[in-house]
Amino acid sequence: RCNERVKFKDLLETAKDLDADCMATGHYIQRKMGA
């Protein structure tokens, strides 16, 4: 719930307010480009 409702929601919006191109975290998971 913390990831869903706080870090990846409110904090993510804050990152956009700071004109960031993206937000990075130290989670052990992979993001890969698919079709």
Full PDB file with SEQRES, HELIX, SHEET, SSBOND, CRYST1, ORIGX, SCALE, CONECT and MASTER records, all heavy atoms in Angstrom:
SEQRES   1 A   35  ARG CYS ASN GLU ARG VAL LYS PHE LYS ASP LEU LEU GLU          
SEQRES   2 A   35  THR ALA LYS ASP LEU ASP ALA ASP CYS MET ALA THR GLY          
SEQRES   3 A   35  HIS TYR ILE GLN ARG LYS MET GLY ALA                          
HELIX    1 AA1 CYS A    2  CYS A    2  1                                   1    
HELIX    2 AA2 ASN A    3  LEU A   11  3                                   9    
HELIX    3 AA3 LEU A   12  ASP A   17  1                                   6    
CRYST1    1.000    1.000    1.000  90.00  90.00  90.00 P 1           1          
ORIGX1      1.000000  0.000000  0.000000        0.00000                         
ORIGX2      0.000000  1.000000  0.000000        0.00000                         
ORIGX3      0.000000  0.000000  1.000000        0.00000                         
SCALE1      1.000000  0.000000  0.000000        0.00000                         
SCALE2      0.000000  1.000000  0.000000        0.00000                         
SCALE3      0.000000  0.000000  1.000000        0.00000                         
ATOM      1  N   ARG A   1       0.827  -1.203   0.000  1.00  0.00           N  
ATOM      2  CA  ARG A   1       0.000   0.000   0.000  1.00  0.00           C  
ATOM      3  C   ARG A   1       0.868   1.262   0.000  1.00  0.00           C  
ATOM      4  O   ARG A   1       0.510   2.267  -0.604  1.00  0.00           O  
ATOM      5  CB  ARG A   1      -0.926  -0.006   1.214  1.00  0.00           C  
ATOM      6  CG  ARG A   1      -2.048  -1.026   1.149  1.00  0.00           C  
ATOM      7  CD  ARG A   1      -2.948  -0.823  -0.058  1.00  0.00           C  
ATOM      8  NE  ARG A   1      -4.206  -1.544   0.087  1.00  0.00           N  
ATOM      9  CZ  ARG A   1      -5.060  -1.757  -0.908  1.00  0.00           C  
ATOM     10  NH1 ARG A   1      -4.771  -1.324  -2.129  1.00  0.00           N  
ATOM     11  NH2 ARG A   1      -6.193  -2.395  -0.700  1.00  0.00           N  
ATOM     12  N   CYS A   2       2.007   1.209   0.682  1.00  0.00           N  
ATOM     13  CA  CYS A   2       2.901   2.353   0.714  1.00  0.00           C  
ATOM     14  C   CYS A   2       3.451   2.649  -0.685  1.00  0.00           C  
ATOM     15  O   CYS A   2       3.479   3.806  -1.127  1.00  0.00           O  
ATOM     16  CB  CYS A   2       4.042   2.113   1.692  1.00  0.00           C  
ATOM     17  SG  CYS A   2       5.177   3.505   1.869  1.00  0.00           S  
ATOM     18  N   ASN A   3       3.884   1.610  -1.382  1.00  0.00           N  
ATOM     19  CA  ASN A   3       4.356   1.794  -2.758  1.00  0.00           C  
ATOM     20  C   ASN A   3       3.240   2.330  -3.647  1.00  0.00           C  
ATOM     21  O   ASN A   3       3.429   3.256  -4.436  1.00  0.00           O  
ATOM     22  CB  ASN A   3       4.873   0.470  -3.332  1.00  0.00           C  
ATOM     23  CG  ASN A   3       6.177   0.032  -2.690  1.00  0.00           C  
ATOM     24  OD1 ASN A   3       7.024   0.850  -2.349  1.00  0.00           O  
ATOM     25  ND2 ASN A   3       6.345  -1.269  -2.508  1.00  0.00           N  
ATOM     26  N   GLU A   4       2.051   1.737  -3.499  1.00  0.00           N  
ATOM     27  CA  GLU A   4       0.915   2.050  -4.363  1.00  0.00           C  
ATOM     28  C   GLU A   4       0.358   3.452  -4.108  1.00  0.00           C  
ATOM     29  O   GLU A   4       0.074   4.199  -5.046  1.00  0.00           O  
ATOM     30  CB  GLU A   4      -0.173   0.999  -4.121  1.00  0.00           C  
ATOM     31  CG  GLU A   4      -1.487   1.249  -4.808  1.00  0.00           C  
ATOM     32  CD  GLU A   4      -2.549   0.265  -4.334  1.00  0.00           C  
ATOM     33  OE1 GLU A   4      -2.246  -0.945  -4.198  1.00  0.00           O  
ATOM     34  OE2 GLU A   4      -3.679   0.704  -4.077  1.00  0.00           O  
ATOM     35  N   ARG A   5       0.200   3.808  -2.836  1.00  0.00           N  
ATOM     36  CA  ARG A   5      -0.546   5.021  -2.489  1.00  0.00           C  
ATOM     37  C   ARG A   5       0.328   6.209  -2.106  1.00  0.00           C  
ATOM     38  O   ARG A   5      -0.155   7.338  -2.056  1.00  0.00           O  
ATOM     39  CB  ARG A   5      -1.495   4.721  -1.330  1.00  0.00           C  
ATOM     40  CG  ARG A   5      -2.568   3.701  -1.675  1.00  0.00           C  
ATOM     41  CD  ARG A   5      -3.400   3.372  -0.457  1.00  0.00           C  
ATOM     42  NE  ARG A   5      -4.525   2.509  -0.794  1.00  0.00           N  
ATOM     43  CZ  ARG A   5      -5.367   1.995   0.100  1.00  0.00           C  
ATOM     44  NH1 ARG A   5      -5.191   2.282   1.382  1.00  0.00           N  
ATOM     45  NH2 ARG A   5      -6.368   1.223  -0.275  1.00  0.00           N  
ATOM     46  N   VAL A   6       1.598   5.960  -1.801  1.00  0.00           N  
ATOM     47  CA  VAL A   6       2.468   7.049  -1.363  1.00  0.00           C  
ATOM     48  C   VAL A   6       3.634   7.232  -2.328  1.00  0.00           C  
ATOM     49  O   VAL A   6       3.730   8.244  -3.039  1.00  0.00           O  
ATOM     50  CB  VAL A   6       2.978   6.809   0.074  1.00  0.00           C  
ATOM     51  CG1 VAL A   6       3.883   7.958   0.523  1.00  0.00           C  
ATOM     52  CG2 VAL A   6       1.804   6.658   1.040  1.00  0.00           C  
ATOM     53  N   LYS A   7       4.525   6.240  -2.404  1.00  0.00           N  
ATOM     54  CA  LYS A   7       5.740   6.410  -3.195  1.00  0.00           C  
ATOM     55  C   LYS A   7       5.454   6.535  -4.691  1.00  0.00           C  
ATOM     56  O   LYS A   7       6.016   7.403  -5.370  1.00  0.00           O  
ATOM     57  CB  LYS A   7       6.689   5.235  -2.939  1.00  0.00           C  
ATOM     58  CG  LYS A   7       7.229   5.204  -1.508  1.00  0.00           C  
ATOM     59  CD  LYS A   7       8.084   3.981  -1.265  1.00  0.00           C  
ATOM     60  CE  LYS A   7       8.562   3.933   0.189  1.00  0.00           C  
ATOM     61  NZ  LYS A   7       9.276   2.676   0.500  1.00  0.00           N  
ATOM     62  N   PHE A   8       4.603   5.664  -5.233  1.00  0.00           N  
ATOM     63  CA  PHE A   8       4.359   5.669  -6.671  1.00  0.00           C  
ATOM     64  C   PHE A   8       3.162   6.525  -7.051  1.00  0.00           C  
ATOM     65  O   PHE A   8       2.752   6.546  -8.217  1.00  0.00           O  
ATOM     66  CB  PHE A   8       4.159   4.239  -7.186  1.00  0.00           C  
ATOM     67  CG  PHE A   8       5.412   3.406  -7.154  1.00  0.00           C  
ATOM     68  CD1 PHE A   8       5.385   2.090  -7.561  1.00  0.00           C  
ATOM     69  CD2 PHE A   8       6.614   3.932  -6.715  1.00  0.00           C  
ATOM     70  CE1 PHE A   8       6.538   1.298  -7.529  1.00  0.00           C  
ATOM     71  CE2 PHE A   8       7.769   3.158  -6.676  1.00  0.00           C  
ATOM     72  CZ  PHE A   8       7.726   1.846  -7.082  1.00  0.00           C  
ATOM     73  N   LYS A   9       2.606   7.233  -6.082  1.00  0.00           N  
ATOM     74  CA  LYS A   9       1.493   8.140  -6.364  1.00  0.00           C  
ATOM     75  C   LYS A   9       1.885   9.567  -6.004  1.00  0.00           C  
ATOM     76  O   LYS A   9       2.235  10.363  -6.856  1.00  0.00           O  
ATOM     77  CB  LYS A   9       0.239   7.703  -5.603  1.00  0.00           C  
ATOM     78  CG  LYS A   9      -0.986   8.547  -5.936  1.00  0.00           C  
ATOM     79  CD  LYS A   9      -2.179   8.132  -5.072  1.00  0.00           C  
ATOM     80  CE  LYS A   9      -3.376   9.045  -5.345  1.00  0.00           C  
ATOM     81  NZ  LYS A   9      -4.482   8.772  -4.402  1.00  0.00           N  
ATOM     82  N   ASP A  10       1.869   9.904  -4.715  1.00  0.00           N  
ATOM     83  CA  ASP A  10       2.153  11.273  -4.299  1.00  0.00           C  
ATOM     84  C   ASP A  10       3.602  11.675  -4.588  1.00  0.00           C  
ATOM     85  O   ASP A  10       3.864  12.769  -5.084  1.00  0.00           O  
ATOM     86  CB  ASP A  10       1.840  11.444  -2.807  1.00  0.00           C  
ATOM     87  CG  ASP A  10       0.353  11.328  -2.524  1.00  0.00           C  
ATOM     88  OD1 ASP A  10      -0.379  12.279  -2.815  1.00  0.00           O  
ATOM     89  OD2 ASP A  10      -0.082  10.271  -2.033  1.00  0.00           O  
ATOM     90  N   LEU A  11       4.546  10.789  -4.255  1.00  0.00           N  
ATOM     91  CA  LEU A  11       5.946  11.119  -4.514  1.00  0.00           C  
ATOM     92  C   LEU A  11       6.210  11.220  -6.008  1.00  0.00           C  
ATOM     93  O   LEU A  11       6.953  12.095  -6.467  1.00  0.00           O  
ATOM     94  CB  LEU A  11       6.873  10.082  -3.868  1.00  0.00           C  
ATOM     95  CG  LEU A  11       8.366  10.292  -4.116  1.00  0.00           C  
ATOM     96  CD1 LEU A  11       8.815  11.682  -3.666  1.00  0.00           C  
ATOM     97  CD2 LEU A  11       9.179   9.218  -3.397  1.00  0.00           C  
ATOM     98  N   LEU A  12       5.594  10.341  -6.775  1.00  0.00           N  
ATOM     99  CA  LEU A  12       5.768  10.380  -8.231  1.00  0.00           C  
ATOM    100  C   LEU A  12       5.245  11.704  -8.803  1.00  0.00           C  
ATOM    101  O   LEU A  12       5.865  12.318  -9.679  1.00  0.00           O  
ATOM    102  CB  LEU A  12       5.062   9.183  -8.863  1.00  0.00           C  
ATOM    103  CG  LEU A  12       5.334   8.926 -10.349  1.00  0.00           C  
ATOM    104  CD1 LEU A  12       5.372   7.412 -10.610  1.00  0.00           C  
ATOM    105  CD2 LEU A  12       4.241   9.546 -11.205  1.00  0.00           C  
ATOM    106  N   GLU A  13       4.109  12.172  -8.282  1.00  0.00           N  
ATOM    107  CA  GLU A  13       3.574  13.457  -8.732  1.00  0.00           C  
ATOM    108  C   GLU A  13       4.504  14.603  -8.334  1.00  0.00           C  
ATOM    109  O   GLU A  13       4.666  15.578  -9.073  1.00  0.00           O  
ATOM    110  CB  GLU A  13       2.172  13.676  -8.160  1.00  0.00           C  
ATOM    111  CG  GLU A  13       1.108  12.787  -8.776  1.00  0.00           C  
ATOM    112  CD  GLU A  13       1.038  12.905 -10.282  1.00  0.00           C  
ATOM    113  OE1 GLU A  13       1.067  14.055 -10.789  1.00  0.00           O  
ATOM    114  OE2 GLU A  13       0.985  11.852 -10.968  1.00  0.00           O  
ATOM    115  N   THR A  14       5.109  14.484  -7.137  1.00  0.00           N  
ATOM    116  CA  THR A  14       6.083  15.487  -6.712  1.00  0.00           C  
ATOM    117  C   THR A  14       7.274  15.523  -7.670  1.00  0.00           C  
ATOM    118  O   THR A  14       7.784  16.594  -8.015  1.00  0.00           O  
ATOM    119  CB  THR A  14       6.571  15.194  -5.277  1.00  0.00           C  
ATOM    120  OG1 THR A  14       5.463  15.285  -4.383  1.00  0.00           O  
ATOM    121  CG2 THR A  14       7.652  16.171  -4.845  1.00  0.00           C  
ATOM    122  N   ALA A  15       7.730  14.335  -8.113  1.00  0.00           N  
ATOM    123  CA  ALA A  15       8.840  14.263  -9.070  1.00  0.00           C  
ATOM    124  C   ALA A  15       8.481  14.987 -10.364  1.00  0.00           C  
ATOM    125  O   ALA A  15       9.300  15.714 -10.947  1.00  0.00           O  
ATOM    126  CB  ALA A  15       9.195  12.802  -9.353  1.00  0.00           C  
ATOM    127  N   LYS A  16       7.239  14.824 -10.811  1.00  0.00           N  
ATOM    128  CA  LYS A  16       6.801  15.519 -12.025  1.00  0.00           C  
ATOM    129  C   LYS A  16       6.752  17.025 -11.799  1.00  0.00           C  
ATOM    130  O   LYS A  16       7.102  17.807 -12.685  1.00  0.00           O  
ATOM    131  CB  LYS A  16       5.440  14.986 -12.465  1.00  0.00           C  
ATOM    132  CG  LYS A  16       5.488  13.548 -12.992  1.00  0.00           C  
ATOM    133  CD  LYS A  16       4.116  13.064 -13.435  1.00  0.00           C  
ATOM    134  CE  LYS A  16       4.202  11.650 -14.016  1.00  0.00           C  
ATOM    135  NZ  LYS A  16       2.875  11.134 -14.434  1.00  0.00           N  
ATOM    136  N   ASP A  17       6.324  17.428 -10.587  1.00  0.00           N  
ATOM    137  CA  ASP A  17       6.296  18.860 -10.263  1.00  0.00           C  
ATOM    138  C   ASP A  17       7.702  19.473 -10.291  1.00  0.00           C  
ATOM    139  O   ASP A  17       7.866  20.674 -10.524  1.00  0.00           O  
ATOM    140  CB  ASP A  17       5.671  19.081  -8.881  1.00  0.00           C  
ATOM    141  CG  ASP A  17       4.178  18.799  -8.864  1.00  0.00           C  
ATOM    142  OD1 ASP A  17       3.566  18.780  -9.949  1.00  0.00           O  
ATOM    143  OD2 ASP A  17       3.628  18.574  -7.767  1.00  0.00           O  
ATOM    144  N   LEU A  18       8.701  18.633 -10.010  1.00  0.00           N  
ATOM    145  CA  LEU A  18      10.100  19.088 -10.041  1.00  0.00           C  
ATOM    146  C   LEU A  18      10.690  19.022 -11.450  1.00  0.00           C  
ATOM    147  O   LEU A  18      11.896  19.175 -11.636  1.00  0.00           O  
ATOM    148  CB  LEU A  18      10.944  18.226  -9.093  1.00  0.00           C  
ATOM    149  CG  LEU A  18      10.647  18.399  -7.596  1.00  0.00           C  
ATOM    150  CD1 LEU A  18      11.359  17.327  -6.778  1.00  0.00           C  
ATOM    151  CD2 LEU A  18      11.085  19.790  -7.135  1.00  0.00           C  
ATOM    152  N   ASP A  19       9.811  18.767 -12.430  1.00  0.00           N  
ATOM    153  CA  ASP A  19      10.205  18.693 -13.848  1.00  0.00           C  
ATOM    154  C   ASP A  19      11.202  17.571 -14.123  1.00  0.00           C  
ATOM    155  O   ASP A  19      12.060  17.680 -15.014  1.00  0.00           O  
ATOM    156  CB  ASP A  19      10.795  20.032 -14.322  1.00  0.00           C  
ATOM    157  CG  ASP A  19       9.765  21.156 -14.331  1.00  0.00           C  
ATOM    158  OD1 ASP A  19       8.602  20.872 -14.646  1.00  0.00           O  
ATOM    159  OD2 ASP A  19      10.132  22.298 -14.002  1.00  0.00           O  
ATOM    160  N   ALA A  20      11.092  16.493 -13.365  1.00  0.00           N  
ATOM    161  CA  ALA A  20      11.965  15.336 -13.603  1.00  0.00           C  
ATOM    162  C   ALA A  20      11.470  14.533 -14.802  1.00  0.00           C  
ATOM    163  O   ALA A  20      10.264  14.434 -15.040  1.00  0.00           O  
ATOM    164  CB  ALA A  20      12.009  14.449 -12.362  1.00  0.00           C  
ATOM    165  N   ASP A  21      12.404  13.968 -15.525  1.00  0.00           N  
ATOM    166  CA  ASP A  21      12.045  13.105 -16.653  1.00  0.00           C  
ATOM    167  C   ASP A  21      11.565  11.735 -16.178  1.00  0.00           C  
ATOM    168  O   ASP A  21      10.792  11.073 -16.866  1.00  0.00           O  
ATOM    169  CB  ASP A  21      13.257  12.933 -17.579  1.00  0.00           C  
ATOM    170  CG  ASP A  21      13.651  14.234 -18.254  1.00  0.00           C  
ATOM    171  OD1 ASP A  21      12.969  14.632 -19.210  1.00  0.00           O  
ATOM    172  OD2 ASP A  21      14.631  14.864 -17.794  1.00  0.00           O  
ATOM    173  N   CYS A  22      12.054  11.316 -15.004  1.00  0.00           N  
ATOM    174  CA  CYS A  22      11.665  10.020 -14.466  1.00  0.00           C  
ATOM    175  C   CYS A  22      11.974   9.983 -12.975  1.00  0.00           C  
ATOM    176  O   CYS A  22      12.616  10.886 -12.433  1.00  0.00           O  
ATOM    177  CB  CYS A  22      12.396   8.879 -15.181  1.00  0.00           C  
ATOM    178  SG  CYS A  22      14.189   8.910 -14.959  1.00  0.00           S  
ATOM    179  N   MET A  23      11.505   8.932 -12.308  1.00  0.00           N  
ATOM    180  CA  MET A  23      11.824   8.708 -10.905  1.00  0.00           C  
ATOM    181  C   MET A  23      12.472   7.334 -10.773  1.00  0.00           C  
ATOM    182  O   MET A  23      11.984   6.355 -11.359  1.00  0.00           O  
ATOM    183  CB  MET A  23      10.568   8.769 -10.027  1.00  0.00           C  
ATOM    184  CG  MET A  23      10.866   8.668  -8.534  1.00  0.00           C  
ATOM    185  SD  MET A  23       9.383   8.937  -7.502  1.00  0.00           S  
ATOM    186  CE  MET A  23       8.809   7.253  -7.306  1.00  0.00           C  
ATOM    187  N   ALA A  24      13.569   7.259 -10.034  1.00  0.00           N  
ATOM    188  CA  ALA A  24      14.286   6.002  -9.841  1.00  0.00           C  
ATOM    189  C   ALA A  24      14.206   5.573  -8.379  1.00  0.00           C  
ATOM    190  O   ALA A  24      14.199   6.417  -7.476  1.00  0.00           O  
ATOM    191  CB  ALA A  24      15.746   6.148 -10.268  1.00  0.00           C  
ATOM    192  N   THR A  25      14.147   4.259  -8.154  1.00  0.00           N  
ATOM    193  CA  THR A  25      14.129   3.714  -6.792  1.00  0.00           C  
ATOM    194  C   THR A  25      15.144   2.582  -6.676  1.00  0.00           C  
ATOM    195  O   THR A  25      15.669   2.091  -7.684  1.00  0.00           O  
ATOM    196  CB  THR A  25      12.731   3.169  -6.409  1.00  0.00           C  
ATOM    197  OG1 THR A  25      12.548   1.860  -6.996  1.00  0.00           O  
ATOM    198  CG2 THR A  25      11.618   4.089  -6.879  1.00  0.00           C  
ATOM    199  N   GLY A  26      15.374   2.145  -5.454  1.00  0.00           N  
ATOM    200  CA  GLY A  26      16.314   1.059  -5.213  1.00  0.00           C  
ATOM    201  C   GLY A  26      15.666  -0.309  -5.142  1.00  0.00           C  
ATOM    202  O   GLY A  26      16.270  -1.257  -4.650  1.00  0.00           O  
ATOM    203  N   HIS A  27      14.439  -0.424  -5.646  1.00  0.00           N  
ATOM    204  CA  HIS A  27      13.754  -1.725  -5.618  1.00  0.00           C  
ATOM    205  C   HIS A  27      14.441  -2.741  -6.530  1.00  0.00           C  
ATOM    206  O   HIS A  27      14.942  -2.388  -7.603  1.00  0.00           O  
ATOM    207  CB  HIS A  27      12.302  -1.573  -6.066  1.00  0.00           C  
ATOM    208  CG  HIS A  27      11.433  -0.873  -5.064  1.00  0.00           C  
ATOM    209  ND1 HIS A  27      10.980   0.418  -5.242  1.00  0.00           N  
ATOM    210  CD2 HIS A  27      10.941  -1.281  -3.870  1.00  0.00           C  
ATOM    211  CE1 HIS A  27      10.234   0.761  -4.208  1.00  0.00           C  
ATOM    212  NE2 HIS A  27      10.205  -0.233  -3.359  1.00  0.00           N  
ATOM    213  N   TYR A  28      14.394  -3.999  -6.098  1.00  0.00           N  
ATOM    214  CA  TYR A  28      14.947  -5.086  -6.910  1.00  0.00           C  
ATOM    215  C   TYR A  28      13.837  -5.664  -7.783  1.00  0.00           C  
ATOM    216  O   TYR A  28      13.113  -6.599  -7.419  1.00  0.00           O  
ATOM    217  CB  TYR A  28      15.571  -6.164  -6.015  1.00  0.00           C  
ATOM    218  CG  TYR A  28      16.891  -5.725  -5.440  1.00  0.00           C  
ATOM    219  CD1 TYR A  28      16.943  -5.014  -4.243  1.00  0.00           C  
ATOM    220  CD2 TYR A  28      18.088  -5.971  -6.109  1.00  0.00           C  
ATOM    221  CE1 TYR A  28      18.148  -4.581  -3.718  1.00  0.00           C  
ATOM    222  CE2 TYR A  28      19.297  -5.537  -5.603  1.00  0.00           C  
ATOM    223  CZ  TYR A  28      19.326  -4.848  -4.404  1.00  0.00           C  
ATOM    224  OH  TYR A  28      20.515  -4.408  -3.887  1.00  0.00           O  
ATOM    225  N   ILE A  29      13.700  -5.048  -8.944  1.00  0.00           N  
ATOM    226  CA  ILE A  29      12.719  -5.457  -9.949  1.00  0.00           C  
ATOM    227  C   ILE A  29      13.198  -4.857 -11.264  1.00  0.00           C  
ATOM    228  O   ILE A  29      13.994  -3.905 -11.260  1.00  0.00           O  
ATOM    229  CB  ILE A  29      11.302  -4.955  -9.574  1.00  0.00           C  
ATOM    230  CG1 ILE A  29      10.233  -5.704 -10.372  1.00  0.00           C  
ATOM    231  CG2 ILE A  29      11.184  -3.444  -9.734  1.00  0.00           C  
ATOM    232  CD1 ILE A  29       8.840  -5.541  -9.801  1.00  0.00           C  
ATOM    233  N   GLN A  30      12.757  -5.408 -12.393  1.00  0.00           N  
ATOM    234  CA  GLN A  30      13.247  -4.922 -13.673  1.00  0.00           C  
ATOM    235  C   GLN A  30      12.128  -4.337 -14.528  1.00  0.00           C  
ATOM    236  O   GLN A  30      11.003  -4.843 -14.538  1.00  0.00           O  
ATOM    237  CB  GLN A  30      13.922  -6.060 -14.450  1.00  0.00           C  
ATOM    238  CG  GLN A  30      15.148  -6.628 -13.754  1.00  0.00           C  
ATOM    239  CD  GLN A  30      15.886  -7.627 -14.619  1.00  0.00           C  
ATOM    240  OE1 GLN A  30      16.670  -7.268 -15.493  1.00  0.00           O  
ATOM    241  NE2 GLN A  30      15.646  -8.910 -14.374  1.00  0.00           N  
ATOM    242  N   ARG A  31      12.472  -3.275 -15.230  1.00  0.00           N  
ATOM    243  CA  ARG A  31      11.582  -2.657 -16.210  1.00  0.00           C  
ATOM    244  C   ARG A  31      12.187  -2.919 -17.576  1.00  0.00           C  
ATOM    245  O   ARG A  31      13.310  -2.498 -17.854  1.00  0.00           O  
ATOM    246  CB  ARG A  31      11.472  -1.159 -15.938  1.00  0.00           C  
ATOM    247  CG  ARG A  31      10.680  -0.348 -16.960  1.00  0.00           C  
ATOM    248  CD  ARG A  31      10.867   1.131 -16.634  1.00  0.00           C  
ATOM    249  NE  ARG A  31      10.089   2.017 -17.500  1.00  0.00           N  
ATOM    250  CZ  ARG A  31      10.476   2.452 -18.687  1.00  0.00           C  
ATOM    251  NH1 ARG A  31      11.664   2.065 -19.178  1.00  0.00           N  
ATOM    252  NH2 ARG A  31       9.714   3.272 -19.388  1.00  0.00           N  
ATOM    253  N   LYS A  32      11.468  -3.621 -18.432  1.00  0.00           N  
ATOM    254  CA  LYS A  32      11.973  -3.942 -19.762  1.00  0.00           C  
ATOM    255  C   LYS A  32      10.983  -3.455 -20.812  1.00  0.00           C  
ATOM    256  O   LYS A  32       9.768  -3.458 -20.587  1.00  0.00           O  
ATOM    257  CB  LYS A  32      12.187  -5.459 -19.916  1.00  0.00           C  
ATOM    258  CG  LYS A  32      13.216  -6.039 -18.952  1.00  0.00           C  
ATOM    259  CD  LYS A  32      13.417  -7.528 -19.191  1.00  0.00           C  
ATOM    260  CE  LYS A  32      14.471  -8.113 -18.263  1.00  0.00           C  
ATOM    261  NZ  LYS A  32      14.723  -9.557 -18.519  1.00  0.00           N  
ATOM    262  N   MET A  33      11.506  -3.051 -21.953  1.00  0.00           N  
ATOM    263  CA  MET A  33      10.638  -2.597 -23.034  1.00  0.00           C  
ATOM    264  C   MET A  33      10.141  -3.799 -23.829  1.00  0.00           C  
ATOM    265  O   MET A  33      10.920  -4.638 -24.275  1.00  0.00           O  
ATOM    266  CB  MET A  33      11.374  -1.628 -23.950  1.00  0.00           C  
ATOM    267  CG  MET A  33      11.709  -0.297 -23.296  1.00  0.00           C  
ATOM    268  SD  MET A  33      10.254   0.571 -22.644  1.00  0.00           S  
ATOM    269  CE  MET A  33       9.328   0.854 -24.161  1.00  0.00           C  
ATOM    270  N   GLY A  34       8.821  -3.887 -23.984  1.00  0.00           N  
ATOM    271  CA  GLY A  34       8.208  -4.947 -24.772  1.00  0.00           C  
ATOM    272  C   GLY A  34       7.535  -4.370 -25.998  1.00  0.00           C  
ATOM    273  O   GLY A  34       7.598  -3.156 -26.258  1.00  0.00           O  
ATOM    274  N   ALA A  35       6.855  -5.216 -26.749  1.00  0.00           N  
ATOM    275  CA  ALA A  35       6.207  -4.784 -27.984  1.00  0.00           C  
ATOM    276  C   ALA A  35       5.115  -3.750 -27.727  1.00  0.00           C  
ATOM    277  O   ALA A  35       4.867  -2.870 -28.554  1.00  0.00           O  
ATOM    278  CB  ALA A  35       5.615  -5.998 -28.701  1.00  0.00           C  
TER     279      ALA A  35                                                      
MASTER        0    0    0    3    0    0    0    6  278    1    0    3          
END                                                                             
